[in-house]
Amino acid sequence: MSAHSTALRIIPLGGLGEFGKNMMAFEYGDVIIVVDAGLMFPADDMPGIDLVIPDTSYLLDNLPKVAAFILTHGHEDHIGALPYILPQIKAPIYGTRLTLGLVENKLREHRLLDAADLRVIDEAMQIQLGAFRLEFVHLCHSIPDVVGVVLHTPVGTVLHVTDYKFDAHPVDGRLTDEDKLRRLGDAGVRLLLSDSTNVEVAGYTPSEQELAKALDHLMGQAPGRVIVATFASNISRIQQVIDVAIRHGRLVGVTGRSMIQNVRMATELGYLRPPAGGLLTPEQMSHLPPERVAIVCTGTQGEPTSALVRMSQGQYRHLRIGQGDTVIISASPIPGNEKMIHRTLDNLFRLGADIYYDELTEVHVSGHGSREDQKHLLRLVRPEYLIPIHGEYRQLVLHARLAREVGIPAENVFVIENGQVMTLDGEGLRPAELVNAGDIFVDGLGDVASAVLRDRRHLGRDGFLVVVIGLDKTTGEVLLGPEILSRGFVHMAEAGDLVTSAKELVWKILEQEETAQEIADRAHTALVDFCQRTTGRRPMVIPLVVEM
């Protein structure tokens, strides 16, 4: 029997050393369980990229083993990659009712719902998949129906606890199941993988009820419409806005395609209680007296097509923001989105509205546990080993240090990054090989290769220069050009001397009898060197040598 078949392999494919694209695979024998399949928003240096998803090469190489996707909750950084992965990896998808409701909306939009195998789980059930016996534990977060995943294996129990906090007053009234966590700890947890996001924040994370107080205050003093932007999947936050609006005699509307879809789904499943009279139509939002209206919309991260961004640009057909309106952005910036968010804030301020966001006042409560939450989890579970997950590298390191503060030996805490396989067997936890776990870039057309992204960066930085040459197919005589065209490198109308010198350089190459390909290659090399020497820049040089 191979070593692989007698050890549990832990394979992080996303979410370690970064925020987003969470994906963790667990392999024992001939079965692989994949926990979460999230996306990440693109950084500033990813021009034209819509989103980033995990590299699933390892799963594709072991496709017959992939037995299931287990989803912890319905946020984009945990389910957003599914539409791009499922066409290649067809496996059952397990999640709670709300999580699968959000997945259904997403798969329906991508026309993948009919082929998907969705299976509802809850905290009372257990699932046997090969050598894995799975059960689940309820967790509080900023969205209902979150679960931690318990994997009972032949080498011991592994507990995967991603986004969580210990909220004494959650919106849906369901507390993190501390009793079950304690029972698991009493029975023995060999390995804990848990959230590192807020390890830099002291104390416990405040309750969602603290946010309700802030919303109540701001809505009570607002003279006109109140517009609250939040994530479309943040069902608990939407419910808070509805509840506060009702207390202040306001009618509520929602806008933004994903927001409308999720509110409809959450209402049908019983996770959201809309006002007795229903939600406002777009026409009612704009024509009712402003002091009677509250609106929930998308756009907290400055997404270009979101409702709030279009409002900020005066391009939203149903609603114009202006003097007397109050805009509340109830979310914290995802790293990398700051510029887009600040641009939206600037536009909103120009419109004359009163704007409230996290840096100014407490209009957002994190769904992630802070240092004391993390210590409390460690004390409940008392794991033999810990792998910090869900955070940038400094946060993983700080989480490891915190674990040592509560008595976990330093040699039993492993700070790893995506692609570093770990094995757990009777002898302990230790590193194994590295596997591919990079980024897959997605734009509107599908996957984008890394080389394409490099070209986009190059073009954005230095522009391009094209030389066009037409040759007689028989004699090799120059019939056209050489013509020089450029965009983003020099302004053609003001670059006469440079263009003339570039043409002279190409003519010298043409004076030698060479093939069209040889001319193209020599022209490329010569023009790159020429541009570097004369301007200090290296545009993308594209020679077009056509035989006519």
Protein backbone atom coordinates (compact mmCIF):
# COMPACT_ATOMS: atom_id res chain seq x y z
CA MET A 1 0.00 0.00 0.00
CA SER A 2 1.41 3.44 -0.95
CA ALA A 3 2.17 6.17 1.56
CA HIS A 4 -0.49 8.31 -0.14
CA SER A 5 -3.19 5.78 0.64
CA THR A 6 -2.38 5.61 4.38
CA ALA A 7 -2.01 9.35 5.00
CA LEU A 8 -4.41 12.24 4.76
CA ARG A 9 -3.20 14.81 2.26
CA ILE A 10 -4.16 18.46 2.81
CA ILE A 11 -3.84 20.45 -0.43
CA PRO A 12 -4.39 24.24 -0.27
CA LEU A 13 -5.36 25.53 -3.72
CA GLY A 14 -6.40 29.05 -2.67
CA GLY A 15 -6.95 31.39 0.26
CA LEU A 16 -3.55 31.11 1.98
CA GLY A 17 -1.39 34.21 1.74
CA GLU A 18 -4.22 36.15 0.06
CA PHE A 19 -7.82 37.26 0.46
CA GLY A 20 -10.15 35.31 -1.78
CA LYS A 21 -10.36 32.23 -4.02
CA ASN A 22 -10.64 29.94 -1.00
CA MET A 23 -10.24 26.28 -1.90
CA MET A 24 -8.88 23.42 0.20
CA ALA A 25 -8.69 19.78 -0.91
CA PHE A 26 -8.49 16.77 1.41
CA GLU A 27 -7.33 13.47 -0.08
CA TYR A 28 -7.33 10.03 1.44
CA GLY A 29 -6.91 6.95 -0.72
CA ASP A 30 -8.99 7.29 -3.85
CA VAL A 31 -11.26 10.12 -2.60
CA ILE A 32 -10.76 13.89 -2.71
CA ILE A 33 -13.09 16.26 -0.84
CA VAL A 34 -12.90 19.91 -1.93
CA VAL A 35 -13.97 22.54 0.59
CA ASP A 36 -15.10 25.80 -1.08
CA ALA A 37 -14.46 27.14 -4.57
CA GLY A 38 -14.09 30.89 -4.34
CA LEU A 39 -12.99 33.77 -6.53
CA MET A 40 -10.81 36.80 -5.91
CA PHE A 41 -11.23 40.32 -7.25
CA PRO A 42 -8.45 41.47 -9.61
CA ALA A 43 -5.64 43.73 -8.42
CA ASP A 44 -4.68 47.03 -10.06
CA ASP A 45 -1.98 45.32 -12.13
CA MET A 46 -4.46 42.98 -13.84
CA PRO A 47 -5.86 45.09 -16.71
CA GLY A 48 -9.01 43.75 -18.32
CA ILE A 49 -9.37 40.93 -15.80
CA ASP A 50 -12.85 40.47 -14.29
CA LEU A 51 -11.95 37.98 -11.59
CA VAL A 52 -9.36 35.44 -10.45
CA ILE A 53 -10.07 31.78 -9.61
CA PRO A 54 -7.91 28.95 -8.25
CA ASP A 55 -5.74 26.80 -10.48
CA THR A 56 -7.43 23.40 -10.35
CA SER A 57 -4.70 21.49 -12.23
CA TYR A 58 -4.24 19.08 -9.32
CA LEU A 59 -7.94 18.24 -9.28
CA LEU A 60 -8.02 17.79 -13.06
CA ASP A 61 -5.01 15.47 -12.86
CA ASN A 62 -6.88 13.41 -10.26
CA LEU A 63 -10.38 13.83 -11.67
CA PRO A 64 -11.73 10.31 -10.86
CA LYS A 65 -10.97 10.91 -7.18
CA VAL A 66 -12.95 14.15 -6.78
CA ALA A 67 -16.01 13.04 -4.83
CA ALA A 68 -17.59 16.31 -3.71
CA PHE A 69 -17.46 20.04 -3.24
CA ILE A 70 -18.42 21.07 0.30
CA LEU A 71 -19.39 24.75 0.61
CA THR A 72 -19.07 26.47 3.96
CA HIS A 73 -21.24 29.49 3.04
CA GLY A 74 -22.46 31.65 0.20
CA HIS A 75 -19.95 34.47 -0.13
CA GLU A 76 -18.24 35.00 -3.48
CA ASP A 77 -14.79 34.20 -2.12
CA HIS A 78 -16.12 30.73 -1.27
CA ILE A 79 -18.53 29.89 -4.13
CA GLY A 80 -17.72 32.33 -6.96
CA ALA A 81 -15.42 30.02 -8.94
CA LEU A 82 -17.99 27.23 -9.30
CA PRO A 83 -19.37 28.33 -12.71
CA TYR A 84 -15.85 28.20 -14.16
CA ILE A 85 -14.84 24.92 -12.51
CA LEU A 86 -17.96 22.76 -12.86
CA PRO A 87 -17.79 22.34 -16.66
CA GLN A 88 -14.47 20.51 -16.10
CA ILE A 89 -15.04 18.90 -12.69
CA LYS A 90 -18.49 17.38 -12.37
CA ALA A 91 -19.00 16.41 -8.73
CA PRO A 92 -21.88 16.74 -6.26
CA ILE A 93 -22.07 20.09 -4.46
CA TYR A 94 -23.03 20.03 -0.78
CA GLY A 95 -24.17 23.15 1.05
CA THR A 96 -26.81 24.53 3.37
CA ARG A 97 -30.14 25.69 1.95
CA LEU A 98 -29.20 29.36 1.71
CA THR A 99 -25.76 28.59 0.31
CA LEU A 100 -27.23 26.40 -2.41
CA GLY A 101 -29.86 29.05 -3.12
CA LEU A 102 -27.07 31.52 -3.87
CA VAL A 103 -25.27 28.88 -5.94
CA GLU A 104 -28.44 28.21 -7.93
CA ASN A 105 -28.71 31.90 -8.88
CA LYS A 106 -25.11 31.86 -10.04
CA LEU A 107 -25.34 28.62 -12.01
CA ARG A 108 -28.64 29.64 -13.59
CA GLU A 109 -26.99 32.81 -14.91
CA HIS A 110 -24.23 30.68 -16.48
CA ARG A 111 -26.74 28.12 -17.81
CA LEU A 112 -25.20 25.35 -15.72
CA LEU A 113 -27.98 24.71 -13.23
CA ASP A 114 -29.64 21.80 -15.04
CA ALA A 115 -26.42 19.77 -15.02
CA ALA A 116 -25.48 20.53 -11.41
CA ASP A 117 -25.92 17.98 -8.61
CA LEU A 118 -26.83 20.09 -5.55
CA ARG A 119 -27.31 18.37 -2.18
CA VAL A 120 -28.58 20.11 0.96
CA ILE A 121 -26.77 19.61 4.26
CA ASP A 122 -27.47 20.70 7.84
CA GLU A 123 -25.72 20.45 11.19
CA ALA A 124 -27.67 17.33 12.22
CA MET A 125 -26.53 15.10 9.37
CA GLN A 126 -23.46 13.05 8.53
CA ILE A 127 -22.13 12.02 5.10
CA GLN A 128 -19.86 9.09 4.27
CA LEU A 129 -17.59 9.59 1.26
CA GLY A 130 -14.99 6.87 0.97
CA ALA A 131 -12.91 6.89 4.16
CA PHE A 132 -14.28 10.33 5.09
CA ARG A 133 -17.18 10.72 7.50
CA LEU A 134 -18.31 14.34 7.36
CA GLU A 135 -20.38 16.31 9.81
CA PHE A 136 -20.99 20.02 10.23
CA VAL A 137 -21.08 22.67 12.94
CA HIS A 138 -23.05 25.92 12.78
CA LEU A 139 -21.02 29.17 12.82
CA CYS A 140 -21.94 32.85 13.05
CA HIS A 141 -20.76 35.13 10.26
CA SER A 142 -22.18 38.07 8.32
CA ILE A 143 -24.40 35.70 6.34
CA PRO A 144 -26.75 33.00 7.69
CA ASP A 145 -26.30 29.26 7.26
CA VAL A 146 -22.51 29.05 7.69
CA VAL A 147 -20.95 25.73 8.65
CA GLY A 148 -17.58 24.45 9.72
CA VAL A 149 -16.65 21.09 8.18
CA VAL A 150 -15.64 18.15 10.39
CA LEU A 151 -13.72 15.43 8.54
CA HIS A 152 -13.41 12.18 10.49
CA THR A 153 -10.64 10.18 8.83
CA PRO A 154 -8.63 7.02 9.60
CA VAL A 155 -5.81 9.27 10.89
CA GLY A 156 -7.99 11.42 13.12
CA THR A 157 -10.47 14.30 13.06
CA VAL A 158 -9.82 17.44 11.03
CA LEU A 159 -11.86 20.59 11.62
CA HIS A 160 -12.07 23.21 8.86
CA VAL A 161 -13.42 26.45 10.31
CA THR A 162 -13.31 29.30 7.87
CA ASP A 163 -15.25 32.59 8.32
CA TYR A 164 -16.69 32.73 11.84
CA LYS A 165 -17.13 34.81 14.98
CA PHE A 166 -18.72 34.38 18.39
CA ASP A 167 -21.69 36.78 18.13
CA ALA A 168 -23.89 36.90 21.22
CA HIS A 169 -26.71 38.60 19.30
CA PRO A 170 -26.73 37.41 15.65
CA VAL A 171 -29.42 38.75 13.35
CA ASP A 172 -30.98 35.33 12.82
CA GLY A 173 -30.70 34.43 16.52
CA ARG A 174 -28.52 31.35 15.87
CA LEU A 175 -25.30 31.31 17.90
CA THR A 176 -22.04 29.64 16.94
CA ASP A 177 -22.41 26.09 18.27
CA GLU A 178 -19.85 26.24 21.07
CA ASP A 179 -21.15 23.04 22.66
CA LYS A 180 -20.43 21.02 19.54
CA LEU A 181 -17.00 22.61 19.15
CA ARG A 182 -16.25 21.73 22.78
CA ARG A 183 -17.45 18.14 22.29
CA LEU A 184 -15.22 17.81 19.24
CA GLY A 185 -12.32 19.11 21.30
CA ASP A 186 -13.08 16.66 24.09
CA ALA A 187 -13.13 13.77 21.61
CA GLY A 188 -9.85 14.96 20.07
CA VAL A 189 -9.14 17.15 17.04
CA ARG A 190 -5.84 16.31 15.40
CA LEU A 191 -5.83 19.27 13.00
CA LEU A 192 -7.62 22.62 12.96
CA LEU A 193 -7.63 24.89 9.91
CA SER A 194 -9.11 28.27 10.83
CA ASP A 195 -9.67 31.87 9.75
CA SER A 196 -6.82 34.38 10.23
CA THR A 197 -8.50 37.50 8.78
CA ASN A 198 -8.85 39.62 11.92
CA VAL A 199 -5.81 38.42 13.88
CA GLU A 200 -4.50 42.00 13.88
CA VAL A 201 -7.66 43.25 15.66
CA ALA A 202 -7.71 43.11 19.47
CA GLY A 203 -10.66 41.87 21.50
CA TYR A 204 -13.81 40.19 20.25
CA THR A 205 -15.51 41.23 17.01
CA PRO A 206 -18.60 43.33 17.87
CA SER A 207 -22.06 41.90 17.45
CA GLU A 208 -24.18 42.65 14.41
CA GLN A 209 -26.50 44.43 16.86
CA GLU A 210 -23.89 47.21 17.16
CA LEU A 211 -24.39 47.92 13.48
CA ALA A 212 -28.16 48.06 13.98
CA LYS A 213 -27.63 50.89 16.48
CA ALA A 214 -25.54 52.86 13.97
CA LEU A 215 -28.07 52.33 11.19
CA ASP A 216 -30.88 53.37 13.53
CA HIS A 217 -29.10 56.61 14.42
CA LEU A 218 -28.23 57.57 10.84
CA MET A 219 -31.64 56.69 9.43
CA GLY A 220 -33.36 58.59 12.24
CA GLN A 221 -31.55 61.83 11.39
CA ALA A 222 -31.57 61.52 7.60
CA PRO A 223 -33.72 64.23 5.94
CA GLY A 224 -34.19 62.41 2.63
CA ARG A 225 -33.67 59.00 1.09
CA VAL A 226 -31.31 56.53 2.76
CA ILE A 227 -29.30 54.34 0.40
CA VAL A 228 -27.39 51.47 2.00
CA ALA A 229 -24.82 49.62 -0.10
CA THR A 230 -23.82 46.11 0.96
CA PHE A 231 -22.86 42.80 -0.61
CA ALA A 232 -25.73 41.12 -2.43
CA SER A 233 -25.06 37.92 -0.49
CA ASN A 234 -25.17 39.65 2.90
CA ILE A 235 -28.70 38.58 3.75
CA SER A 236 -28.32 39.45 7.44
CA ARG A 237 -27.32 43.03 6.62
CA ILE A 238 -30.25 43.41 4.25
CA GLN A 239 -32.59 42.22 7.00
CA GLN A 240 -31.12 44.78 9.41
CA VAL A 241 -31.77 47.62 6.96
CA ILE A 242 -35.36 46.43 6.47
CA ASP A 243 -35.96 46.22 10.23
CA VAL A 244 -34.50 49.67 10.94
CA ALA A 245 -36.37 51.24 8.01
CA ILE A 246 -39.69 49.86 9.26
CA ARG A 247 -39.03 51.35 12.72
CA HIS A 248 -38.58 54.76 11.11
CA GLY A 249 -41.66 54.51 8.92
CA ARG A 250 -39.73 54.06 5.70
CA LEU A 251 -40.60 51.83 2.78
CA VAL A 252 -37.78 49.67 1.42
CA GLY A 253 -36.59 48.90 -2.08
CA VAL A 254 -33.67 46.87 -3.38
CA THR A 255 -31.77 47.45 -6.58
CA GLY A 256 -28.94 45.84 -8.47
CA ARG A 257 -29.44 42.61 -10.44
CA SER A 258 -27.67 40.27 -8.03
CA MET A 259 -29.28 41.99 -5.03
CA ILE A 260 -32.78 41.53 -6.46
CA GLN A 261 -32.11 37.86 -7.29
CA ASN A 262 -30.70 37.07 -3.84
CA VAL A 263 -33.46 38.89 -1.96
CA ARG A 264 -36.11 37.00 -3.92
CA MET A 265 -34.40 33.66 -3.25
CA ALA A 266 -33.76 34.35 0.46
CA THR A 267 -37.39 35.43 0.91
CA GLU A 268 -38.69 32.26 -0.74
CA LEU A 269 -36.49 30.12 1.51
CA GLY A 270 -37.51 31.99 4.65
CA TYR A 271 -34.16 33.60 5.45
CA LEU A 272 -35.42 37.13 4.81
CA ARG A 273 -38.56 38.84 6.11
CA PRO A 274 -39.54 41.64 3.73
CA PRO A 275 -41.89 44.46 4.78
CA ALA A 276 -45.57 43.55 5.01
CA GLY A 277 -46.41 45.65 1.97
CA GLY A 278 -43.61 44.21 -0.13
CA LEU A 279 -40.60 45.94 -1.64
CA LEU A 280 -40.72 49.18 -3.62
CA THR A 281 -40.61 49.19 -7.39
CA PRO A 282 -37.94 51.37 -9.08
CA GLU A 283 -40.62 53.95 -9.95
CA GLN A 284 -41.78 54.14 -6.33
CA MET A 285 -38.20 54.61 -5.11
CA SER A 286 -37.82 57.74 -7.22
CA HIS A 287 -41.32 59.23 -6.87
CA LEU A 288 -42.28 58.66 -3.22
CA PRO A 289 -41.40 61.41 -0.72
CA PRO A 290 -37.66 60.96 -0.04
CA GLU A 291 -38.07 60.85 3.73
CA ARG A 292 -40.20 57.71 3.35
CA VAL A 293 -37.69 55.72 1.28
CA ALA A 294 -34.80 53.40 2.16
CA ILE A 295 -32.91 51.54 -0.57
CA VAL A 296 -30.49 48.62 -0.39
CA CYS A 297 -28.10 48.30 -3.33
CA THR A 298 -24.85 46.75 -4.56
CA GLY A 299 -21.57 48.57 -5.14
CA THR A 300 -19.55 48.53 -1.92
CA GLN A 301 -16.33 47.69 -3.78
CA GLY A 302 -16.69 50.23 -6.59
CA GLU A 303 -17.67 47.57 -9.13
CA PRO A 304 -18.13 49.43 -12.45
CA THR A 305 -21.54 47.97 -13.32
CA SER A 306 -23.02 48.03 -9.81
CA ALA A 307 -26.05 50.13 -8.86
CA LEU A 308 -24.21 52.50 -6.50
CA VAL A 309 -21.41 53.22 -8.97
CA ARG A 310 -23.90 54.01 -11.73
CA MET A 311 -25.80 56.26 -9.31
CA SER A 312 -22.55 58.04 -8.43
CA GLN A 313 -21.97 58.70 -12.14
CA GLY A 314 -25.52 59.91 -12.77
CA GLN A 315 -26.12 56.95 -15.07
CA TYR A 316 -28.76 55.06 -13.08
CA ARG A 317 -32.07 55.34 -14.87
CA HIS A 318 -34.37 55.02 -11.88
CA LEU A 319 -32.62 57.14 -9.27
CA ARG A 320 -30.66 60.39 -9.02
CA ILE A 321 -28.63 61.01 -5.88
CA GLY A 322 -28.46 64.61 -4.67
CA GLN A 323 -28.73 67.02 -1.76
CA GLY A 324 -30.56 65.56 1.22
CA ASP A 325 -29.81 61.93 0.37
CA THR A 326 -27.81 59.78 2.79
CA VAL A 327 -25.53 57.05 1.43
CA ILE A 328 -24.18 54.39 3.80
CA ILE A 329 -21.51 51.98 2.54
CA SER A 330 -21.78 49.02 4.90
CA ALA A 331 -18.71 46.98 4.02
CA SER A 332 -14.96 47.15 4.41
CA PRO A 333 -12.70 47.45 1.35
CA ILE A 334 -11.39 44.22 -0.09
CA PRO A 335 -7.61 44.68 -0.54
CA GLY A 336 -6.94 45.87 -4.08
CA ASN A 337 -10.30 47.63 -4.49
CA GLU A 338 -9.38 50.85 -2.67
CA LYS A 339 -8.93 52.99 -5.78
CA MET A 340 -12.31 52.05 -7.24
CA ILE A 341 -14.01 52.64 -3.89
CA HIS A 342 -12.39 56.05 -3.43
CA ARG A 343 -13.40 57.07 -6.95
CA THR A 344 -17.01 56.18 -6.14
CA LEU A 345 -16.86 58.10 -2.85
CA ASP A 346 -15.50 61.18 -4.64
CA ASN A 347 -18.33 61.05 -7.16
CA LEU A 348 -20.94 60.71 -4.40
CA PHE A 349 -19.53 63.68 -2.52
CA ARG A 350 -19.67 65.73 -5.74
CA LEU A 351 -23.41 65.00 -5.92
CA GLY A 352 -23.92 66.64 -2.54
CA ALA A 353 -25.16 63.62 -0.58
CA ASP A 354 -24.20 62.83 3.02
CA ILE A 355 -21.83 59.86 2.83
CA TYR A 356 -20.96 57.45 5.65
CA TYR A 357 -18.39 54.68 5.33
CA ASP A 358 -16.25 52.58 7.62
CA GLU A 359 -13.34 55.02 7.94
CA LEU A 360 -15.70 57.79 9.12
CA THR A 361 -18.15 55.99 11.38
CA GLU A 362 -19.06 52.46 12.43
CA VAL A 363 -21.38 51.43 9.61
CA HIS A 364 -19.88 47.99 9.15
CA VAL A 365 -19.26 45.07 11.50
CA SER A 366 -16.84 42.38 10.43
CA GLY A 367 -18.05 38.82 10.09
CA HIS A 368 -14.62 37.53 11.09
CA GLY A 369 -13.49 36.78 14.62
CA SER A 370 -10.81 38.98 16.16
CA ARG A 371 -7.94 37.84 18.40
CA GLU A 372 -10.09 36.90 21.39
CA ASP A 373 -12.54 35.00 19.14
CA GLN A 374 -9.59 33.08 17.72
CA LYS A 375 -8.22 32.29 21.19
CA HIS A 376 -11.67 31.15 22.28
CA LEU A 377 -11.92 28.76 19.33
CA LEU A 378 -8.48 27.32 20.05
CA ARG A 379 -9.39 26.78 23.71
CA LEU A 380 -12.67 25.07 22.79
CA VAL A 381 -11.15 22.76 20.19
CA ARG A 382 -7.66 22.22 21.67
CA PRO A 383 -6.21 20.84 18.40
CA GLU A 384 -2.99 18.88 18.24
CA TYR A 385 -1.97 20.77 15.07
CA LEU A 386 -2.98 24.09 13.52
CA ILE A 387 -2.76 25.40 9.96
CA PRO A 388 -3.83 29.09 9.78
CA ILE A 389 -5.90 29.78 6.65
CA HIS A 390 -7.94 32.60 5.08
CA GLY A 391 -5.57 35.56 5.25
CA GLU A 392 -2.53 37.31 3.86
CA TYR A 393 0.84 35.91 4.86
CA ARG A 394 1.48 38.27 7.78
CA GLN A 395 -1.90 37.27 9.22
CA LEU A 396 -1.10 33.58 8.96
CA VAL A 397 2.15 34.21 10.86
CA LEU A 398 0.39 36.27 13.54
CA HIS A 399 -2.27 33.58 13.92
CA ALA A 400 0.51 31.03 14.45
CA ARG A 401 2.02 33.22 17.19
CA LEU A 402 -1.38 33.61 18.83
CA ALA A 403 -1.78 29.82 18.87
CA ARG A 404 1.47 29.51 20.77
CA GLU A 405 0.11 31.98 23.34
CA VAL A 406 -2.70 29.55 24.19
CA GLY A 407 -0.42 26.57 24.54
CA ILE A 408 -0.09 24.94 21.13
CA PRO A 409 3.58 23.98 20.67
CA ALA A 410 5.40 25.95 17.99
CA GLU A 411 6.43 22.76 16.18
CA ASN A 412 2.74 21.84 15.81
CA VAL A 413 1.76 25.04 13.97
CA PHE A 414 2.45 25.21 10.23
CA VAL A 415 2.33 28.45 8.24
CA ILE A 416 2.02 27.40 4.61
CA GLU A 417 0.89 28.93 1.33
CA ASN A 418 -1.09 27.75 -1.66
CA GLY A 419 0.32 24.62 -3.26
CA GLN A 420 2.18 23.30 -0.21
CA VAL A 421 0.80 19.81 0.37
CA MET A 422 0.76 18.56 3.97
CA THR A 423 0.38 14.95 5.08
CA LEU A 424 -1.17 13.75 8.32
CA ASP A 425 -0.69 10.18 9.54
CA GLY A 426 0.05 8.31 12.75
CA GLU A 427 3.45 9.95 13.02
CA GLY A 428 2.16 13.51 12.74
CA LEU A 429 1.73 16.44 10.33
CA ARG A 430 4.53 17.37 7.95
CA PRO A 431 5.12 19.08 4.59
CA ALA A 432 5.11 17.04 1.39
CA GLU A 433 5.50 18.16 -2.22
CA LEU A 434 4.41 21.37 -3.93
CA VAL A 435 1.59 21.35 -6.51
CA ASN A 436 0.37 23.97 -8.98
CA ALA A 437 -1.82 26.47 -7.14
CA GLY A 438 -1.51 29.72 -9.01
CA ASP A 439 -4.09 32.11 -10.41
CA ILE A 440 -6.43 31.61 -13.34
CA PHE A 441 -7.47 34.95 -14.79
CA VAL A 442 -10.98 35.33 -16.19
CA ASP A 443 -12.38 38.08 -18.37
CA GLY A 444 -15.63 38.24 -20.32
CA LEU A 445 -14.34 35.73 -22.86
CA GLY A 446 -13.20 33.08 -20.37
CA ASP A 447 -9.78 32.12 -19.05
CA VAL A 448 -6.89 34.46 -19.78
CA ALA A 449 -3.35 33.12 -20.01
CA SER A 450 -0.61 34.76 -17.94
CA ALA A 451 1.15 35.76 -21.17
CA VAL A 452 -1.93 37.74 -22.24
CA LEU A 453 -1.93 39.58 -18.92
CA ARG A 454 1.78 40.37 -19.32
CA ASP A 455 1.05 41.79 -22.79
CA ARG A 456 -1.73 43.96 -21.37
CA ARG A 457 0.60 45.33 -18.69
CA HIS A 458 3.24 45.98 -21.33
CA LEU A 459 0.77 47.81 -23.58
CA GLY A 460 -0.58 49.82 -20.66
CA ARG A 461 2.89 50.90 -19.62
CA ASP A 462 4.65 51.60 -22.96
CA GLY A 463 2.08 51.34 -25.76
CA PHE A 464 2.82 49.75 -29.12
CA LEU A 465 4.47 50.52 -32.43
CA VAL A 466 3.57 48.79 -35.72
CA VAL A 467 5.67 48.79 -38.88
CA VAL A 468 3.79 47.77 -42.06
CA ILE A 469 5.69 46.59 -45.13
CA GLY A 470 4.29 45.22 -48.41
CA LEU A 471 6.62 43.14 -50.62
CA ASP A 472 6.18 41.90 -54.16
CA LYS A 473 5.73 38.14 -53.77
CA THR A 474 7.91 37.40 -56.82
CA THR A 475 10.65 40.02 -56.85
CA GLY A 476 10.79 41.08 -53.21
CA GLU A 477 10.42 44.73 -54.25
CA VAL A 478 8.89 47.04 -51.65
CA LEU A 479 5.37 47.94 -52.82
CA LEU A 480 4.05 49.46 -49.57
CA GLY A 481 5.73 51.30 -46.72
CA PRO A 482 7.47 51.04 -44.52
CA GLU A 483 4.66 52.77 -42.62
CA ILE A 484 4.94 53.40 -38.87
CA LEU A 485 1.84 53.41 -36.65
CA SER A 486 1.73 53.89 -32.90
CA ARG A 487 -0.70 54.11 -29.99
CA GLY A 488 0.21 54.87 -26.39
CA PHE A 489 3.92 55.29 -27.27
CA VAL A 490 4.30 58.62 -29.08
CA HIS A 491 1.84 61.06 -30.59
CA MET A 492 2.30 60.51 -34.31
CA ALA A 493 1.59 64.13 -35.24
CA GLU A 494 4.38 65.32 -32.93
CA ALA A 495 6.94 62.60 -33.55
CA GLY A 496 8.08 63.39 -37.09
CA ASP A 497 11.84 63.07 -36.50
CA LEU A 498 11.49 59.84 -34.54
CA VAL A 499 9.23 58.28 -37.20
CA THR A 500 11.58 59.37 -39.98
CA SER A 501 14.57 57.82 -38.20
CA ALA A 502 12.62 54.60 -37.57
CA LYS A 503 11.72 54.36 -41.28
CA GLU A 504 15.38 54.90 -42.28
CA LEU A 505 16.36 52.08 -39.95
CA VAL A 506 13.84 49.73 -41.59
CA TRP A 507 14.94 50.78 -45.11
CA LYS A 508 18.49 49.66 -44.28
CA ILE A 509 17.13 46.24 -43.40
CA LEU A 510 15.07 46.13 -46.61
CA GLU A 511 18.14 46.86 -48.73
CA GLN A 512 19.38 43.35 -47.91
CA GLU A 513 17.82 40.42 -49.76
CA GLU A 514 16.04 38.43 -47.06
CA THR A 515 12.78 36.51 -46.60
CA ALA A 516 9.68 38.21 -45.21
CA GLN A 517 10.13 36.42 -41.87
CA GLU A 518 13.79 37.42 -41.60
CA ILE A 519 12.86 41.04 -42.35
CA ALA A 520 10.17 40.95 -39.66
CA ASP A 521 12.55 39.48 -37.08
CA ARG A 522 15.35 41.98 -37.82
CA ALA A 523 12.92 44.92 -37.87
CA HIS A 524 11.52 43.90 -34.51
CA THR A 525 14.96 43.68 -32.87
CA ALA A 526 16.19 46.91 -34.43
CA LEU A 527 13.09 48.95 -33.54
CA VAL A 528 12.98 47.73 -29.93
CA ASP A 529 16.61 48.78 -29.51
CA PHE A 530 15.99 52.09 -31.33
CA CYS A 531 12.99 53.01 -29.13
CA GLN A 532 14.90 52.14 -25.96
CA ARG A 533 17.89 54.31 -27.01
CA THR A 534 15.93 57.32 -28.20
CA THR A 535 13.02 57.46 -25.72
CA GLY A 536 13.99 55.23 -22.78
CA ARG A 537 10.82 53.20 -23.33
CA ARG A 538 10.15 49.74 -24.76
CA PRO A 539 6.83 49.68 -26.63
CA MET A 540 5.45 46.43 -27.96
CA VAL A 541 6.84 46.34 -31.52
CA ILE A 542 4.73 44.51 -34.09
CA PRO A 543 6.23 44.13 -37.61
CA LEU A 544 3.69 43.26 -40.35
CA VAL A 545 5.52 42.11 -43.48
CA VAL A 546 3.01 41.10 -46.15
CA GLU A 547 3.85 39.47 -49.48
CA MET A 548 1.60 40.89 -52.18
